[in-house]
Amino acid sequence: MLLEVGDIVKGKVTGITKFGVFVELENGKTGMVHISEVAATYVREIKDYVQIGQEVSVKILTVGDDGKIGLSMKKAAEQTSEASKPAEPAPSFDEILSNFMKSSNEKMSSLKKHTGERRVSRRGNR
């Protein structure tokens, strides 16, 4: 299996350190999830979030020339939750035009109100 940046894959937690989690991926390669990429909240203790042997979904952030693989559990979870949300319908042209016209009319009304008070010429001619 070829690993590409941006892919979301499954893996098994094989090690936990103070700075991150080591995850063995489906192809037998091992990558690391830095502590800042474990969860969307502040992580004090990684063991509060994962256990050795646990299967996790990770997003591939980097694949170095030296073989090091940077992973993110946080971004995998975000992308998965976004994919499961139903898409909001785009506003129709009529709705966009209506909102524009309303905004434009409010601005013109305000402009006319303010310029109407300043009809006095700067030269003193009225």
N, C-alpha and C. Protein backbone atom coordinates (compact mmCIF):
# COMPACT_ATOMS: atom_id res chain seq x y z
N MET A 1 0.84 -1.18 0.00
CA MET A 1 0.00 0.00 0.00
C MET A 1 0.88 1.24 0.00
N LEU A 2 0.65 2.14 -0.93
CA LEU A 2 1.42 3.37 -1.04
C LEU A 2 0.80 4.43 -0.14
N LEU A 3 1.63 5.04 0.70
CA LEU A 3 1.15 6.07 1.62
C LEU A 3 1.35 7.44 0.99
N GLU A 4 0.28 8.21 0.95
CA GLU A 4 0.35 9.55 0.39
C GLU A 4 -0.16 10.55 1.41
N VAL A 5 0.46 11.74 1.41
CA VAL A 5 0.04 12.80 2.31
C VAL A 5 -1.43 13.11 2.07
N GLY A 6 -2.19 13.21 3.15
CA GLY A 6 -3.62 13.50 3.06
C GLY A 6 -4.50 12.27 3.21
N ASP A 7 -3.93 11.07 3.04
CA ASP A 7 -4.71 9.84 3.19
C ASP A 7 -5.10 9.64 4.66
N ILE A 8 -6.27 9.05 4.86
CA ILE A 8 -6.67 8.63 6.21
C ILE A 8 -6.64 7.12 6.22
N VAL A 9 -5.86 6.56 7.15
CA VAL A 9 -5.67 5.12 7.23
C VAL A 9 -5.87 4.65 8.66
N LYS A 10 -6.04 3.36 8.82
CA LYS A 10 -6.15 2.75 10.14
C LYS A 10 -4.79 2.27 10.58
N GLY A 11 -4.59 2.23 11.88
CA GLY A 11 -3.34 1.74 12.43
C GLY A 11 -3.53 1.27 13.85
N LYS A 12 -2.50 0.63 14.38
CA LYS A 12 -2.55 0.09 15.74
C LYS A 12 -1.47 0.77 16.57
N VAL A 13 -1.86 1.26 17.75
CA VAL A 13 -0.92 1.93 18.64
C VAL A 13 0.08 0.89 19.16
N THR A 14 1.38 1.17 18.92
CA THR A 14 2.42 0.23 19.35
C THR A 14 3.29 0.81 20.46
N GLY A 15 3.23 2.12 20.66
CA GLY A 15 4.05 2.72 21.69
C GLY A 15 3.54 4.09 22.08
N ILE A 16 3.74 4.45 23.36
CA ILE A 16 3.32 5.74 23.87
C ILE A 16 4.51 6.36 24.61
N THR A 17 4.83 7.62 24.27
CA THR A 17 5.89 8.35 24.95
C THR A 17 5.31 9.66 25.48
N LYS A 18 6.14 10.47 26.13
CA LYS A 18 5.68 11.78 26.62
C LYS A 18 5.35 12.72 25.47
N PHE A 19 5.99 12.52 24.32
CA PHE A 19 5.83 13.46 23.21
C PHE A 19 4.94 12.96 22.09
N GLY A 20 4.49 11.72 22.14
CA GLY A 20 3.65 11.24 21.07
C GLY A 20 3.31 9.77 21.14
N VAL A 21 2.68 9.31 20.06
CA VAL A 21 2.18 7.95 19.94
C VAL A 21 2.76 7.33 18.67
N PHE A 22 3.27 6.11 18.77
CA PHE A 22 3.74 5.39 17.59
C PHE A 22 2.63 4.47 17.12
N VAL A 23 2.37 4.53 15.81
CA VAL A 23 1.26 3.78 15.23
C VAL A 23 1.79 2.94 14.07
N GLU A 24 1.51 1.62 14.14
CA GLU A 24 1.86 0.74 13.03
C GLU A 24 0.72 0.78 12.03
N LEU A 25 1.04 1.14 10.79
CA LEU A 25 0.03 1.29 9.75
C LEU A 25 -0.25 -0.05 9.07
N GLU A 26 -1.25 -0.06 8.21
CA GLU A 26 -1.69 -1.29 7.55
C GLU A 26 -0.60 -1.95 6.71
N ASN A 27 0.35 -1.16 6.21
CA ASN A 27 1.39 -1.73 5.35
C ASN A 27 2.62 -2.18 6.15
N GLY A 28 2.55 -2.13 7.48
CA GLY A 28 3.65 -2.56 8.31
C GLY A 28 4.61 -1.45 8.70
N LYS A 29 4.49 -0.28 8.10
CA LYS A 29 5.34 0.84 8.46
C LYS A 29 4.81 1.51 9.72
N THR A 30 5.72 2.18 10.43
CA THR A 30 5.35 2.86 11.67
C THR A 30 5.49 4.36 11.50
N GLY A 31 4.49 5.09 11.99
CA GLY A 31 4.51 6.54 11.98
C GLY A 31 4.30 7.07 13.38
N MET A 32 4.49 8.37 13.54
CA MET A 32 4.33 8.96 14.86
C MET A 32 3.29 10.08 14.85
N VAL A 33 2.45 10.08 15.89
CA VAL A 33 1.49 11.14 16.12
C VAL A 33 2.06 11.99 17.24
N HIS A 34 2.41 13.25 16.93
CA HIS A 34 2.92 14.15 17.97
C HIS A 34 1.81 14.44 18.96
N ILE A 35 2.17 14.74 20.21
CA ILE A 35 1.18 14.99 21.26
C ILE A 35 0.18 16.08 20.87
N SER A 36 0.62 17.07 20.08
CA SER A 36 -0.27 18.15 19.65
C SER A 36 -1.28 17.70 18.60
N GLU A 37 -1.08 16.51 18.04
CA GLU A 37 -1.98 16.00 17.01
C GLU A 37 -2.84 14.83 17.49
N VAL A 38 -2.85 14.60 18.81
CA VAL A 38 -3.63 13.49 19.36
C VAL A 38 -5.11 13.84 19.45
N ALA A 39 -5.42 15.05 19.95
CA ALA A 39 -6.81 15.45 20.15
C ALA A 39 -6.96 16.94 19.91
N ALA A 40 -8.20 17.37 19.73
CA ALA A 40 -8.49 18.79 19.47
C ALA A 40 -8.35 19.63 20.74
N THR A 41 -8.26 19.00 21.89
CA THR A 41 -8.10 19.72 23.15
C THR A 41 -6.66 19.56 23.65
N TYR A 42 -6.33 20.28 24.71
CA TYR A 42 -5.01 20.17 25.31
C TYR A 42 -4.83 18.76 25.88
N VAL A 43 -3.71 18.13 25.54
CA VAL A 43 -3.43 16.77 26.01
C VAL A 43 -2.31 16.83 27.04
N ARG A 44 -2.65 16.52 28.27
CA ARG A 44 -1.63 16.48 29.33
C ARG A 44 -1.00 15.09 29.37
N GLU A 45 -1.84 14.07 29.38
CA GLU A 45 -1.38 12.68 29.41
C GLU A 45 -1.95 11.94 28.20
N ILE A 46 -1.07 11.47 27.35
CA ILE A 46 -1.52 10.76 26.14
C ILE A 46 -2.29 9.50 26.51
N LYS A 47 -1.92 8.88 27.62
CA LYS A 47 -2.58 7.64 28.03
C LYS A 47 -4.06 7.85 28.34
N ASP A 48 -4.48 9.10 28.53
CA ASP A 48 -5.91 9.39 28.74
C ASP A 48 -6.69 9.28 27.43
N TYR A 49 -5.98 9.26 26.30
CA TYR A 49 -6.64 9.25 25.00
C TYR A 49 -6.48 7.94 24.23
N VAL A 50 -5.34 7.26 24.40
CA VAL A 50 -5.11 6.01 23.67
C VAL A 50 -4.42 4.99 24.57
N GLN A 51 -4.53 3.74 24.18
CA GLN A 51 -3.88 2.63 24.88
C GLN A 51 -3.11 1.81 23.86
N ILE A 52 -2.05 1.16 24.28
CA ILE A 52 -1.29 0.28 23.39
C ILE A 52 -2.21 -0.84 22.91
N GLY A 53 -2.17 -1.10 21.60
CA GLY A 53 -3.01 -2.12 21.00
C GLY A 53 -4.30 -1.57 20.42
N GLN A 54 -4.64 -0.34 20.75
CA GLN A 54 -5.87 0.28 20.26
C GLN A 54 -5.75 0.58 18.77
N GLU A 55 -6.83 0.36 18.03
CA GLU A 55 -6.85 0.70 16.62
C GLU A 55 -7.36 2.14 16.48
N VAL A 56 -6.63 2.95 15.71
CA VAL A 56 -6.98 4.36 15.54
C VAL A 56 -6.95 4.73 14.06
N SER A 57 -7.69 5.79 13.72
CA SER A 57 -7.64 6.36 12.38
C SER A 57 -6.68 7.54 12.44
N VAL A 58 -5.81 7.63 11.45
CA VAL A 58 -4.83 8.72 11.40
C VAL A 58 -4.78 9.30 10.00
N LYS A 59 -4.46 10.58 9.94
CA LYS A 59 -4.25 11.24 8.66
C LYS A 59 -2.75 11.39 8.46
N ILE A 60 -2.27 11.09 7.27
CA ILE A 60 -0.84 11.20 6.98
C ILE A 60 -0.52 12.66 6.67
N LEU A 61 0.33 13.25 7.52
CA LEU A 61 0.73 14.64 7.35
C LEU A 61 1.99 14.78 6.51
N THR A 62 2.97 13.92 6.80
CA THR A 62 4.25 13.99 6.08
C THR A 62 4.79 12.59 5.85
N VAL A 63 5.51 12.43 4.75
CA VAL A 63 6.28 11.22 4.49
C VAL A 63 7.66 11.70 4.07
N GLY A 64 8.62 11.55 4.99
CA GLY A 64 9.96 12.05 4.73
C GLY A 64 10.78 11.13 3.84
N ASP A 65 11.82 11.70 3.26
CA ASP A 65 12.74 10.91 2.43
C ASP A 65 13.45 9.86 3.27
N ASP A 66 13.58 10.14 4.56
CA ASP A 66 14.25 9.21 5.47
C ASP A 66 13.31 8.11 5.97
N GLY A 67 12.05 8.13 5.50
CA GLY A 67 11.10 7.10 5.89
C GLY A 67 10.22 7.46 7.07
N LYS A 68 10.47 8.60 7.69
CA LYS A 68 9.64 9.01 8.84
C LYS A 68 8.28 9.47 8.35
N ILE A 69 7.24 9.02 9.07
CA ILE A 69 5.87 9.34 8.70
C ILE A 69 5.22 10.12 9.84
N GLY A 70 4.78 11.33 9.53
CA GLY A 70 4.08 12.17 10.51
C GLY A 70 2.59 11.96 10.37
N LEU A 71 1.93 11.71 11.51
CA LEU A 71 0.51 11.38 11.51
C LEU A 71 -0.28 12.33 12.41
N SER A 72 -1.60 12.37 12.22
CA SER A 72 -2.48 13.16 13.07
C SER A 72 -3.79 12.43 13.31
N MET A 73 -4.08 12.18 14.57
CA MET A 73 -5.37 11.61 14.94
C MET A 73 -6.43 12.72 14.93
N LYS A 74 -6.03 13.92 15.35
CA LYS A 74 -6.94 15.06 15.43
C LYS A 74 -7.51 15.40 14.06
N LYS A 75 -6.67 15.51 13.05
CA LYS A 75 -7.13 15.89 11.71
C LYS A 75 -7.94 14.77 11.06
N ALA A 76 -7.63 13.54 11.38
CA ALA A 76 -8.42 12.42 10.85
C ALA A 76 -9.84 12.48 11.41
N ALA A 77 -9.96 12.79 12.71
CA ALA A 77 -11.27 12.88 13.34
C ALA A 77 -12.06 14.06 12.78
N GLU A 78 -11.39 15.20 12.58
CA GLU A 78 -12.05 16.38 12.03
C GLU A 78 -12.57 16.10 10.63
N GLN A 79 -11.75 15.49 9.80
CA GLN A 79 -12.14 15.24 8.41
C GLN A 79 -13.27 14.22 8.35
N THR A 80 -13.24 13.23 9.22
CA THR A 80 -14.29 12.21 9.24
C THR A 80 -15.61 12.83 9.67
N SER A 81 -15.58 13.71 10.68
CA SER A 81 -16.83 14.32 11.15
C SER A 81 -17.37 15.30 10.12
N GLU A 82 -16.51 16.00 9.38
CA GLU A 82 -16.97 16.90 8.33
C GLU A 82 -17.60 16.13 7.18
N ALA A 83 -17.06 14.97 6.87
CA ALA A 83 -17.59 14.17 5.78
C ALA A 83 -18.97 13.62 6.11
N SER A 84 -19.25 13.41 7.40
CA SER A 84 -20.54 12.84 7.78
C SER A 84 -21.63 13.89 7.91
N LYS A 85 -21.27 15.19 7.93
CA LYS A 85 -22.27 16.25 8.02
C LYS A 85 -22.94 16.42 6.67
N PRO A 86 -24.26 16.63 6.67
CA PRO A 86 -24.92 16.90 5.39
C PRO A 86 -24.52 18.29 4.89
N ALA A 87 -24.35 18.40 3.60
CA ALA A 87 -23.96 19.68 3.01
C ALA A 87 -25.13 20.65 3.06
N GLU A 88 -24.82 21.90 3.39
CA GLU A 88 -25.87 22.93 3.39
C GLU A 88 -26.13 23.33 1.95
N PRO A 89 -27.40 23.53 1.61
CA PRO A 89 -27.69 23.92 0.24
C PRO A 89 -27.17 25.33 -0.03
N ALA A 90 -26.63 25.53 -1.21
CA ALA A 90 -26.12 26.84 -1.59
C ALA A 90 -27.30 27.78 -1.81
N PRO A 91 -27.13 29.06 -1.46
CA PRO A 91 -28.24 30.00 -1.69
C PRO A 91 -28.48 30.18 -3.18
N SER A 92 -29.74 30.39 -3.53
CA SER A 92 -30.08 30.59 -4.94
C SER A 92 -29.68 31.99 -5.37
N PHE A 93 -29.64 32.20 -6.66
CA PHE A 93 -29.31 33.52 -7.21
C PHE A 93 -30.29 34.57 -6.71
N ASP A 94 -31.58 34.20 -6.66
CA ASP A 94 -32.61 35.15 -6.20
C ASP A 94 -32.37 35.57 -4.75
N GLU A 95 -31.96 34.64 -3.90
CA GLU A 95 -31.67 34.98 -2.50
C GLU A 95 -30.47 35.90 -2.40
N ILE A 96 -29.43 35.62 -3.18
CA ILE A 96 -28.23 36.46 -3.17
C ILE A 96 -28.58 37.87 -3.66
N LEU A 97 -29.33 37.95 -4.75
CA LEU A 97 -29.72 39.24 -5.30
C LEU A 97 -30.60 40.01 -4.32
N SER A 98 -31.54 39.34 -3.68
CA SER A 98 -32.42 39.97 -2.71
C SER A 98 -31.62 40.56 -1.54
N ASN A 99 -30.66 39.79 -1.03
CA ASN A 99 -29.82 40.28 0.08
C ASN A 99 -28.98 41.47 -0.35
N PHE A 100 -28.45 41.41 -1.57
CA PHE A 100 -27.65 42.53 -2.09
C PHE A 100 -28.50 43.79 -2.21
N MET A 101 -29.70 43.65 -2.78
CA MET A 101 -30.57 44.81 -2.96
C MET A 101 -30.97 45.41 -1.62
N LYS A 102 -31.28 44.59 -0.65
CA LYS A 102 -31.64 45.08 0.68
C LYS A 102 -30.48 45.87 1.29
N SER A 103 -29.30 45.31 1.22
CA SER A 103 -28.11 45.97 1.75
C SER A 103 -27.83 47.28 1.01
N SER A 104 -27.95 47.23 -0.30
CA SER A 104 -27.71 48.41 -1.12
C SER A 104 -28.71 49.52 -0.79
N ASN A 105 -29.97 49.18 -0.66
CA ASN A 105 -31.00 50.18 -0.34
C ASN A 105 -30.76 50.80 1.03
N GLU A 106 -30.34 49.99 2.01
CA GLU A 106 -30.04 50.53 3.34
C GLU A 106 -28.87 51.51 3.28
N LYS A 107 -27.84 51.17 2.52
CA LYS A 107 -26.68 52.05 2.39
C LYS A 107 -27.05 53.34 1.68
N MET A 108 -27.84 53.25 0.61
CA MET A 108 -28.25 54.45 -0.12
C MET A 108 -29.13 55.35 0.74
N SER A 109 -30.02 54.77 1.51
CA SER A 109 -30.89 55.54 2.39
C SER A 109 -30.06 56.29 3.42
N SER A 110 -29.09 55.62 4.00
CA SER A 110 -28.21 56.25 4.98
C SER A 110 -27.40 57.36 4.33
N LEU A 111 -26.90 57.13 3.14
CA LEU A 111 -26.09 58.12 2.43
C LEU A 111 -26.93 59.36 2.10
N LYS A 112 -28.16 59.17 1.62
CA LYS A 112 -29.03 60.29 1.29
C LYS A 112 -29.37 61.10 2.53
N LYS A 113 -29.58 60.41 3.63
CA LYS A 113 -29.92 61.08 4.89
C LYS A 113 -28.76 61.97 5.34
N HIS A 114 -27.56 61.49 5.24
CA HIS A 114 -26.39 62.23 5.71
C HIS A 114 -25.99 63.34 4.74
N THR A 115 -26.12 63.13 3.45
CA THR A 115 -25.74 64.17 2.49
C THR A 115 -26.81 65.24 2.40
N GLY A 116 -28.03 64.94 2.73
CA GLY A 116 -29.11 65.92 2.70
C GLY A 116 -28.90 67.01 3.74
N GLU A 117 -28.25 66.69 4.84
CA GLU A 117 -28.00 67.66 5.90
C GLU A 117 -26.86 68.59 5.54
N ARG A 118 -26.02 68.22 4.60
CA ARG A 118 -24.84 69.02 4.25
C ARG A 118 -25.01 69.74 2.92
N ARG A 119 -26.17 70.17 2.61
CA ARG A 119 -26.41 70.85 1.33
C ARG A 119 -25.87 72.28 1.32
N VAL A 120 -25.43 72.76 2.44
CA VAL A 120 -24.90 74.11 2.51
C VAL A 120 -23.55 74.14 1.82
N SER A 121 -23.35 75.10 0.95
CA SER A 121 -22.11 75.22 0.20
C SER A 121 -20.98 75.65 1.13
N ARG A 122 -19.80 75.24 0.81
CA ARG A 122 -18.63 75.60 1.62
C ARG A 122 -18.29 77.09 1.45
N ARG A 123 -18.70 77.69 0.37
CA ARG A 123 -18.39 79.10 0.12
C ARG A 123 -19.33 80.04 0.85
N GLY A 124 -20.33 79.51 1.41
CA GLY A 124 -21.28 80.37 2.11
C GLY A 124 -22.51 80.68 1.28
N ASN A 125 -22.54 80.30 0.01
CA ASN A 125 -23.72 80.50 -0.83
C ASN A 125 -24.75 79.45 -0.47
N ARG A 126 -25.95 79.89 -0.30
CA ARG A 126 -26.98 78.93 0.09
C ARG A 126 -27.96 78.80 -0.98
